[in-house]
Amino acid sequence: MSGVDWRRWRVLALLLLVAGLLGSAIVSMALDQGEQRPLEVDGRGEVRRLLAGLEQRGSTLGDPDAPLTISIFNDLQCSPCARWQLEVVPVLVDELVRERRARLRYRQFSVSQRSVGIAFFAAAAAAEQGRGWEYAQLFLANQDLALLNGVDERLLSAIAGAAPGLDPGLWRRDRERPEVARAVEADAAAAFDLRLPAQPAAVVNGPGGSRTLTRSPSAAAILRAAAAVRY
C-alpha cells in the first residue's frame, strides 16, 4: 500500500471513530434528558416515629379536646424556616401533644415576596387525608432536594410518594379541589391580620388568653407561652 493510500485509510478510520463517539454522546444525552432518576426522599422513618399514633383532622395534629391550640405559621419553601420547624415541632409534640395538653395547627405562611408557594397547595391537599403534617415535615426535611432541583411537580410527587399513610392518587385529585385553595388563602389572610413579620411564628391560644410569638420563637418560649395561657 502506498503512503498516500495509508494516509487516506487513517483519515477514514479517524472519521469513523469520531462519528461513533458523537453518536454515543447524542444517545447518552437523549437518555439523560428523557429519563430522570426518581428523587431519593430522606427522613420517612423519623416522620413516622414523630407522628405515630397522633390524631389528625385537616391541618390539626393531636387531641381535638386538648385545652390549648398552637398555630404554627411557616413557609415550606424556606430553608431557614425548615431548620426552625424541624427543631421546634418535635419538642412540642413530645411535651404537649402526646400529653394531650395541646394540639398543633399548621398554617401556610409565605415569608418571601410571593404570596403563596406551590408546595402550600400540596401540603393542604395532604391535609385533606389527615396527612398534612407528614407531608410538611417530610418536605422540610428534604430542603436539599428543593435547592438542587427546584420546587416542581417532580419534587412534590416524590414527597407525596414517601409521606407515610398518604394516598398519592387521591392527593393529586385533592390538589384541584376548591377547598384546598380556600384553606391556603385563609392561612395567608390570618397571617396578614396578625401582621406577622417575615419569619416563622406561633400563636398559642388557651383558656387563659392568647400569645403571639414572632421571629422564629424557640421551643422553650412556646412552652412558656403555653403554660401562661393554660388556665
C-alpha atoms as a PDB file:
ATOM      1  CA  MET A   1       0.000   0.000   0.000  1.00  0.00           C
ATOM      2  CA  SER A   2       1.407   3.396  -0.949  1.00  0.00           C
ATOM      3  CA  GLY A   3       1.994   6.171   1.589  1.00  0.00           C
ATOM      4  CA  VAL A   4      -0.895   8.174   0.132  1.00  0.00           C
ATOM      5  CA  ASP A   5      -3.342   5.252   0.409  1.00  0.00           C
ATOM      6  CA  TRP A   6      -2.242   4.605   4.005  1.00  0.00           C
ATOM      7  CA  ARG A   7      -2.864   8.203   4.978  1.00  0.00           C
ATOM      8  CA  ARG A   8      -6.332   8.040   3.365  1.00  0.00           C
ATOM      9  CA  TRP A   9      -7.229   4.925   5.375  1.00  0.00           C
ATOM     10  CA  ARG A  10      -6.032   6.571   8.586  1.00  0.00           C
ATOM     11  CA  VAL A  11      -8.152   9.651   7.910  1.00  0.00           C
ATOM     12  CA  LEU A  12     -11.195   7.488   7.137  1.00  0.00           C
ATOM     13  CA  ALA A  13     -10.699   5.436  10.296  1.00  0.00           C
ATOM     14  CA  LEU A  14     -10.429   8.567  12.402  1.00  0.00           C
ATOM     15  CA  LEU A  15     -13.601   9.999  10.865  1.00  0.00           C
ATOM     16  CA  LEU A  16     -15.494   6.776  11.618  1.00  0.00           C
ATOM     17  CA  LEU A  17     -14.232   6.799  15.217  1.00  0.00           C
ATOM     18  CA  VAL A  18     -15.281  10.417  15.754  1.00  0.00           C
ATOM     19  CA  ALA A  19     -18.694   9.711  14.226  1.00  0.00           C
ATOM     20  CA  GLY A  20     -19.151   6.748  16.558  1.00  0.00           C
ATOM     21  CA  LEU A  21     -18.209   8.785  19.627  1.00  0.00           C
ATOM     22  CA  LEU A  22     -20.546  11.594  18.638  1.00  0.00           C
ATOM     23  CA  GLY A  23     -23.370   9.131  18.095  1.00  0.00           C
ATOM     24  CA  SER A  24     -22.822   7.612  21.548  1.00  0.00           C
ATOM     25  CA  ALA A  25     -22.758  11.058  23.149  1.00  0.00           C
ATOM     26  CA  ILE A  26     -26.006  12.069  21.445  1.00  0.00           C
ATOM     27  CA  VAL A  27     -27.747   8.871  22.583  1.00  0.00           C
ATOM     28  CA  SER A  28     -26.432   9.367  26.125  1.00  0.00           C
ATOM     29  CA  MET A  29     -27.648  12.973  26.216  1.00  0.00           C
ATOM     30  CA  ALA A  30     -31.075  11.948  24.956  1.00  0.00           C
ATOM     31  CA  LEU A  31     -31.352   9.291  27.657  1.00  0.00           C
ATOM     32  CA  ASP A  32     -30.243  11.732  30.365  1.00  0.00           C
ATOM     33  CA  GLN A  33     -32.833  14.295  29.277  1.00  0.00           C
ATOM     34  CA  GLY A  34     -35.678  11.846  28.754  1.00  0.00           C
ATOM     35  CA  GLU A  35     -35.238   9.604  31.798  1.00  0.00           C
ATOM     36  CA  GLN A  36     -34.690  11.310  35.147  1.00  0.00           C
ATOM     37  CA  ARG A  37     -33.928   9.153  38.116  1.00  0.00           C
ATOM     38  CA  PRO A  38     -36.519   9.273  40.918  1.00  0.00           C
ATOM     39  CA  LEU A  39     -35.653  11.677  43.700  1.00  0.00           C
ATOM     40  CA  GLU A  40     -34.466   9.972  46.880  1.00  0.00           C
ATOM     41  CA  VAL A  41     -36.504  11.348  49.785  1.00  0.00           C
ATOM     42  CA  ASP A  42     -34.949  11.070  53.262  1.00  0.00           C
ATOM     43  CA  GLY A  43     -36.492  11.158  56.720  1.00  0.00           C
ATOM     44  CA  ARG A  44     -39.535   8.954  56.274  1.00  0.00           C
ATOM     45  CA  GLY A  45     -38.738   6.885  59.373  1.00  0.00           C
ATOM     46  CA  GLU A  46     -38.212   9.951  61.534  1.00  0.00           C
ATOM     47  CA  VAL A  47     -41.505  11.482  60.415  1.00  0.00           C
ATOM     48  CA  ARG A  48     -43.338   8.225  61.037  1.00  0.00           C
ATOM     49  CA  ARG A  49     -41.930   7.975  64.566  1.00  0.00           C
ATOM     50  CA  LEU A  50     -42.674  11.636  65.339  1.00  0.00           C
ATOM     51  CA  LEU A  51     -46.345  11.425  64.376  1.00  0.00           C
ATOM     52  CA  ALA A  52     -47.141   7.793  65.196  1.00  0.00           C
ATOM     53  CA  GLY A  53     -50.463   7.348  66.988  1.00  0.00           C
ATOM     54  CA  LEU A  54     -51.433  11.019  66.898  1.00  0.00           C
ATOM     55  CA  GLU A  55     -54.830  12.032  65.567  1.00  0.00           C
ATOM     56  CA  GLN A  56     -55.035  14.413  62.634  1.00  0.00           C
ATOM     57  CA  ARG A  57     -58.037  16.373  61.427  1.00  0.00           C
ATOM     58  CA  GLY A  58     -57.250  18.556  58.458  1.00  0.00           C
ATOM     59  CA  SER A  59     -54.205  20.629  59.366  1.00  0.00           C
ATOM     60  CA  THR A  60     -54.574  19.956  63.122  1.00  0.00           C
ATOM     61  CA  LEU A  61     -52.418  17.435  64.967  1.00  0.00           C
ATOM     62  CA  GLY A  62     -53.381  15.993  68.345  1.00  0.00           C
ATOM     63  CA  ASP A  63     -56.396  15.549  70.603  1.00  0.00           C
ATOM     64  CA  PRO A  64     -59.216  17.829  69.383  1.00  0.00           C
ATOM     65  CA  ASP A  65     -60.281  18.273  73.029  1.00  0.00           C
ATOM     66  CA  ALA A  66     -56.860  19.472  74.217  1.00  0.00           C
ATOM     67  CA  PRO A  67     -57.147  22.767  76.147  1.00  0.00           C
ATOM     68  CA  LEU A  68     -54.510  24.579  74.062  1.00  0.00           C
ATOM     69  CA  THR A  69     -54.172  25.228  70.346  1.00  0.00           C
ATOM     70  CA  ILE A  70     -50.787  26.224  68.964  1.00  0.00           C
ATOM     71  CA  SER A  71     -50.849  27.515  65.406  1.00  0.00           C
ATOM     72  CA  ILE A  72     -47.543  27.186  63.598  1.00  0.00           C
ATOM     73  CA  PHE A  73     -47.157  29.762  60.806  1.00  0.00           C
ATOM     74  CA  ASN A  74     -44.347  28.719  58.487  1.00  0.00           C
ATOM     75  CA  ASP A  75     -43.132  28.635  54.886  1.00  0.00           C
ATOM     76  CA  LEU A  76     -42.377  25.222  53.396  1.00  0.00           C
ATOM     77  CA  GLN A  77     -40.251  26.817  50.670  1.00  0.00           C
ATOM     78  CA  CYS A  78     -37.773  28.483  53.047  1.00  0.00           C
ATOM     79  CA  SER A  79     -34.610  26.684  54.190  1.00  0.00           C
ATOM     80  CA  PRO A  80     -34.050  28.652  57.463  1.00  0.00           C
ATOM     81  CA  CYS A  81     -37.740  28.126  58.251  1.00  0.00           C
ATOM     82  CA  ALA A  82     -37.256  24.400  57.725  1.00  0.00           C
ATOM     83  CA  ARG A  83     -34.468  24.229  60.279  1.00  0.00           C
ATOM     84  CA  TRP A  84     -36.651  26.101  62.783  1.00  0.00           C
ATOM     85  CA  GLN A  85     -39.636  23.765  62.429  1.00  0.00           C
ATOM     86  CA  LEU A  86     -37.559  20.586  62.452  1.00  0.00           C
ATOM     87  CA  GLU A  87     -36.080  21.706  65.787  1.00  0.00           C
ATOM     88  CA  VAL A  88     -39.232  23.106  67.418  1.00  0.00           C
ATOM     89  CA  VAL A  89     -42.078  20.790  66.430  1.00  0.00           C
ATOM     90  CA  PRO A  90     -40.623  17.547  67.877  1.00  0.00           C
ATOM     91  CA  VAL A  91     -40.276  19.268  71.267  1.00  0.00           C
ATOM     92  CA  LEU A  92     -43.873  20.485  71.165  1.00  0.00           C
ATOM     93  CA  VAL A  93     -45.096  17.044  70.133  1.00  0.00           C
ATOM     94  CA  ASP A  94     -43.262  15.308  72.980  1.00  0.00           C
ATOM     95  CA  GLU A  95     -44.005  17.893  75.671  1.00  0.00           C
ATOM     96  CA  LEU A  96     -47.549  18.940  74.795  1.00  0.00           C
ATOM     97  CA  VAL A  97     -49.274  16.974  72.049  1.00  0.00           C
ATOM     98  CA  ARG A  98     -48.564  13.467  73.334  1.00  0.00           C
ATOM     99  CA  GLU A  99     -49.576  14.606  76.816  1.00  0.00           C
ATOM    100  CA  ARG A 100     -52.911  15.826  75.369  1.00  0.00           C
ATOM    101  CA  ARG A 101     -52.179  19.297  76.680  1.00  0.00           C
ATOM    102  CA  ALA A 102     -52.180  20.959  73.244  1.00  0.00           C
ATOM    103  CA  ARG A 103     -52.915  20.377  69.595  1.00  0.00           C
ATOM    104  CA  LEU A 104     -50.879  21.878  66.773  1.00  0.00           C
ATOM    105  CA  ARG A 105     -52.303  23.548  63.708  1.00  0.00           C
ATOM    106  CA  TYR A 106     -50.119  24.080  60.667  1.00  0.00           C
ATOM    107  CA  ARG A 107     -50.791  27.303  58.742  1.00  0.00           C
ATOM    108  CA  GLN A 108     -49.183  28.217  55.423  1.00  0.00           C
ATOM    109  CA  PHE A 109     -47.271  31.492  55.666  1.00  0.00           C
ATOM    110  CA  SER A 110     -45.049  32.911  52.934  1.00  0.00           C
ATOM    111  CA  VAL A 111     -42.036  34.805  54.249  1.00  0.00           C
ATOM    112  CA  SER A 112     -40.943  35.868  50.755  1.00  0.00           C
ATOM    113  CA  GLN A 113     -42.328  38.370  48.260  1.00  0.00           C
ATOM    114  CA  ARG A 114     -44.570  35.733  46.699  1.00  0.00           C
ATOM    115  CA  SER A 115     -47.988  35.448  48.328  1.00  0.00           C
ATOM    116  CA  VAL A 116     -48.042  31.629  48.270  1.00  0.00           C
ATOM    117  CA  GLY A 117     -45.830  28.764  47.106  1.00  0.00           C
ATOM    118  CA  ILE A 118     -46.888  25.720  45.102  1.00  0.00           C
ATOM    119  CA  ALA A 119     -45.836  23.467  47.991  1.00  0.00           C
ATOM    120  CA  PHE A 120     -48.550  25.122  50.107  1.00  0.00           C
ATOM    121  CA  PHE A 121     -51.283  23.584  47.966  1.00  0.00           C
ATOM    122  CA  ALA A 122     -49.541  20.209  48.042  1.00  0.00           C
ATOM    123  CA  ALA A 123     -49.453  20.183  51.856  1.00  0.00           C
ATOM    124  CA  ALA A 124     -53.037  21.440  52.083  1.00  0.00           C
ATOM    125  CA  ALA A 125     -54.139  18.610  49.787  1.00  0.00           C
ATOM    126  CA  ALA A 126     -52.355  16.102  52.027  1.00  0.00           C
ATOM    127  CA  ALA A 127     -54.254  17.578  54.985  1.00  0.00           C
ATOM    128  CA  GLU A 128     -57.488  16.554  53.257  1.00  0.00           C
ATOM    129  CA  GLN A 129     -56.428  12.972  54.047  1.00  0.00           C
ATOM    130  CA  GLY A 130     -55.273  13.862  57.551  1.00  0.00           C
ATOM    131  CA  ARG A 131     -51.646  13.619  56.406  1.00  0.00           C
ATOM    132  CA  GLY A 132     -50.718  17.291  56.153  1.00  0.00           C
ATOM    133  CA  TRP A 133     -48.162  17.079  58.949  1.00  0.00           C
ATOM    134  CA  GLU A 134     -46.438  14.079  57.349  1.00  0.00           C
ATOM    135  CA  TYR A 135     -46.168  15.987  54.081  1.00  0.00           C
ATOM    136  CA  ALA A 136     -44.957  19.215  55.682  1.00  0.00           C
ATOM    137  CA  GLN A 137     -42.335  17.606  57.916  1.00  0.00           C
ATOM    138  CA  LEU A 138     -41.021  15.431  55.095  1.00  0.00           C
ATOM    139  CA  PHE A 139     -40.871  18.366  52.692  1.00  0.00           C
ATOM    140  CA  LEU A 140     -38.973  20.459  55.236  1.00  0.00           C
ATOM    141  CA  ALA A 141     -36.559  17.592  55.908  1.00  0.00           C
ATOM    142  CA  ASN A 142     -35.669  17.469  52.198  1.00  0.00           C
ATOM    143  CA  GLN A 143     -34.813  21.099  51.541  1.00  0.00           C
ATOM    144  CA  ASP A 144     -31.610  19.954  49.838  1.00  0.00           C
ATOM    145  CA  LEU A 145     -33.709  18.433  47.049  1.00  0.00           C
ATOM    146  CA  ALA A 146     -35.649  21.682  46.693  1.00  0.00           C
ATOM    147  CA  LEU A 147     -32.428  23.674  46.453  1.00  0.00           C
ATOM    148  CA  LEU A 148     -30.810  21.318  43.933  1.00  0.00           C
ATOM    149  CA  ASN A 149     -33.799  20.534  41.723  1.00  0.00           C
ATOM    150  CA  GLY A 150     -36.268  23.354  42.372  1.00  0.00           C
ATOM    151  CA  VAL A 151     -39.786  23.060  43.746  1.00  0.00           C
ATOM    152  CA  ASP A 152     -41.619  21.431  40.857  1.00  0.00           C
ATOM    153  CA  GLU A 153     -44.069  18.633  40.163  1.00  0.00           C
ATOM    154  CA  ARG A 154     -41.324  16.026  40.351  1.00  0.00           C
ATOM    155  CA  LEU A 155     -40.383  17.044  43.897  1.00  0.00           C
ATOM    156  CA  LEU A 156     -43.968  17.456  45.100  1.00  0.00           C
ATOM    157  CA  SER A 157     -44.871  13.983  43.820  1.00  0.00           C
ATOM    158  CA  ALA A 158     -41.741  12.429  45.311  1.00  0.00           C
ATOM    159  CA  ILE A 159     -42.679  13.800  48.737  1.00  0.00           C
ATOM    160  CA  ALA A 160     -46.249  12.551  48.321  1.00  0.00           C
ATOM    161  CA  GLY A 161     -44.992   9.100  47.412  1.00  0.00           C
ATOM    162  CA  ALA A 162     -42.798   8.961  50.507  1.00  0.00           C
ATOM    163  CA  ALA A 163     -45.197  10.536  53.032  1.00  0.00           C
ATOM    164  CA  PRO A 164     -46.372   7.818  55.462  1.00  0.00           C
ATOM    165  CA  GLY A 165     -50.047   6.967  55.053  1.00  0.00           C
ATOM    166  CA  LEU A 166     -50.677   9.312  52.117  1.00  0.00           C
ATOM    167  CA  ASP A 167     -52.522   8.071  49.012  1.00  0.00           C
ATOM    168  CA  PRO A 168     -50.718   9.820  46.104  1.00  0.00           C
ATOM    169  CA  GLY A 169     -53.593   9.312  43.658  1.00  0.00           C
ATOM    170  CA  LEU A 170     -56.149  10.859  45.984  1.00  0.00           C
ATOM    171  CA  TRP A 171     -53.657  13.611  46.829  1.00  0.00           C
ATOM    172  CA  ARG A 172     -53.374  14.574  43.135  1.00  0.00           C
ATOM    173  CA  ARG A 173     -57.149  14.834  42.814  1.00  0.00           C
ATOM    174  CA  ASP A 174     -57.480  16.818  46.044  1.00  0.00           C
ATOM    175  CA  ARG A 175     -54.980  19.420  44.821  1.00  0.00           C
ATOM    176  CA  GLU A 176     -57.619  20.550  42.312  1.00  0.00           C
ATOM    177  CA  ARG A 177     -60.370  20.934  44.891  1.00  0.00           C
ATOM    178  CA  PRO A 178     -61.504  24.492  45.671  1.00  0.00           C
ATOM    179  CA  GLU A 179     -61.425  23.678  49.388  1.00  0.00           C
ATOM    180  CA  VAL A 180     -57.650  23.344  49.188  1.00  0.00           C
ATOM    181  CA  ALA A 181     -57.236  26.766  47.586  1.00  0.00           C
ATOM    182  CA  ARG A 182     -59.563  28.306  50.177  1.00  0.00           C
ATOM    183  CA  ALA A 183     -57.534  26.766  53.015  1.00  0.00           C
ATOM    184  CA  VAL A 184     -54.313  28.270  51.657  1.00  0.00           C
ATOM    185  CA  GLU A 185     -55.989  31.655  51.187  1.00  0.00           C
ATOM    186  CA  ALA A 186     -57.416  31.561  54.723  1.00  0.00           C
ATOM    187  CA  ASP A 187     -53.955  30.937  56.186  1.00  0.00           C
ATOM    188  CA  ALA A 188     -52.490  33.853  54.232  1.00  0.00           C
ATOM    189  CA  ALA A 189     -55.313  36.116  55.413  1.00  0.00           C
ATOM    190  CA  ALA A 190     -54.787  35.075  59.040  1.00  0.00           C
ATOM    191  CA  ALA A 191     -51.066  35.859  58.845  1.00  0.00           C
ATOM    192  CA  PHE A 192     -51.863  39.247  57.301  1.00  0.00           C
ATOM    193  CA  ASP A 193     -54.367  40.084  60.036  1.00  0.00           C
ATOM    194  CA  LEU A 194     -51.785  39.238  62.692  1.00  0.00           C
ATOM    195  CA  ARG A 195     -49.212  41.476  60.965  1.00  0.00           C
ATOM    196  CA  LEU A 196     -46.616  38.745  61.245  1.00  0.00           C
ATOM    197  CA  PRO A 197     -43.059  39.665  60.219  1.00  0.00           C
ATOM    198  CA  ALA A 198     -41.368  37.543  57.573  1.00  0.00           C
ATOM    199  CA  GLN A 199     -40.208  34.773  59.890  1.00  0.00           C
ATOM    200  CA  PRO A 200     -41.818  31.673  61.413  1.00  0.00           C
ATOM    201  CA  ALA A 201     -44.314  32.374  64.168  1.00  0.00           C
ATOM    202  CA  ALA A 202     -46.501  30.600  66.709  1.00  0.00           C
ATOM    203  CA  VAL A 203     -49.844  31.660  68.147  1.00  0.00           C
ATOM    204  CA  VAL A 204     -50.822  29.973  71.415  1.00  0.00           C
ATOM    205  CA  ASN A 205     -54.485  30.021  72.434  1.00  0.00           C
ATOM    206  CA  GLY A 206     -55.905  28.648  75.671  1.00  0.00           C
ATOM    207  CA  PRO A 207     -58.392  29.300  78.484  1.00  0.00           C
ATOM    208  CA  GLY A 208     -56.086  31.990  79.873  1.00  0.00           C
ATOM    209  CA  GLY A 209     -55.804  34.018  76.688  1.00  0.00           C
ATOM    210  CA  SER A 210     -53.616  34.206  73.616  1.00  0.00           C
ATOM    211  CA  ARG A 211     -49.913  34.769  72.965  1.00  0.00           C
ATOM    212  CA  THR A 212     -48.371  35.576  69.579  1.00  0.00           C
ATOM    213  CA  LEU A 213     -44.688  34.750  69.260  1.00  0.00           C
ATOM    214  CA  THR A 214     -42.852  36.006  66.194  1.00  0.00           C
ATOM    215  CA  ARG A 215     -39.324  35.926  64.719  1.00  0.00           C
ATOM    216  CA  SER A 216     -38.695  32.190  64.943  1.00  0.00           C
ATOM    217  CA  PRO A 217     -39.520  31.643  68.625  1.00  0.00           C
ATOM    218  CA  SER A 218     -37.704  28.842  70.426  1.00  0.00           C
ATOM    219  CA  ALA A 219     -39.462  25.746  71.683  1.00  0.00           C
ATOM    220  CA  ALA A 220     -38.796  26.951  75.231  1.00  0.00           C
ATOM    221  CA  ALA A 221     -40.535  30.276  74.526  1.00  0.00           C
ATOM    222  CA  ILE A 222     -43.566  28.481  73.103  1.00  0.00           C
ATOM    223  CA  LEU A 223     -43.721  26.166  76.118  1.00  0.00           C
ATOM    224  CA  ARG A 224     -43.660  29.191  78.458  1.00  0.00           C
ATOM    225  CA  ALA A 225     -46.483  30.818  76.490  1.00  0.00           C
ATOM    226  CA  ALA A 226     -48.479  27.581  76.689  1.00  0.00           C
ATOM    227  CA  ALA A 227     -48.039  27.492  80.462  1.00  0.00           C
ATOM    228  CA  ALA A 228     -49.132  31.130  80.734  1.00  0.00           C
ATOM    229  CA  VAL A 229     -52.496  30.596  78.979  1.00  0.00           C
ATOM    230  CA  ARG A 230     -53.306  27.091  80.186  1.00  0.00           C
ATOM    231  CA  TYR A 231     -55.758  28.273  82.884  1.00  0.00           C
END
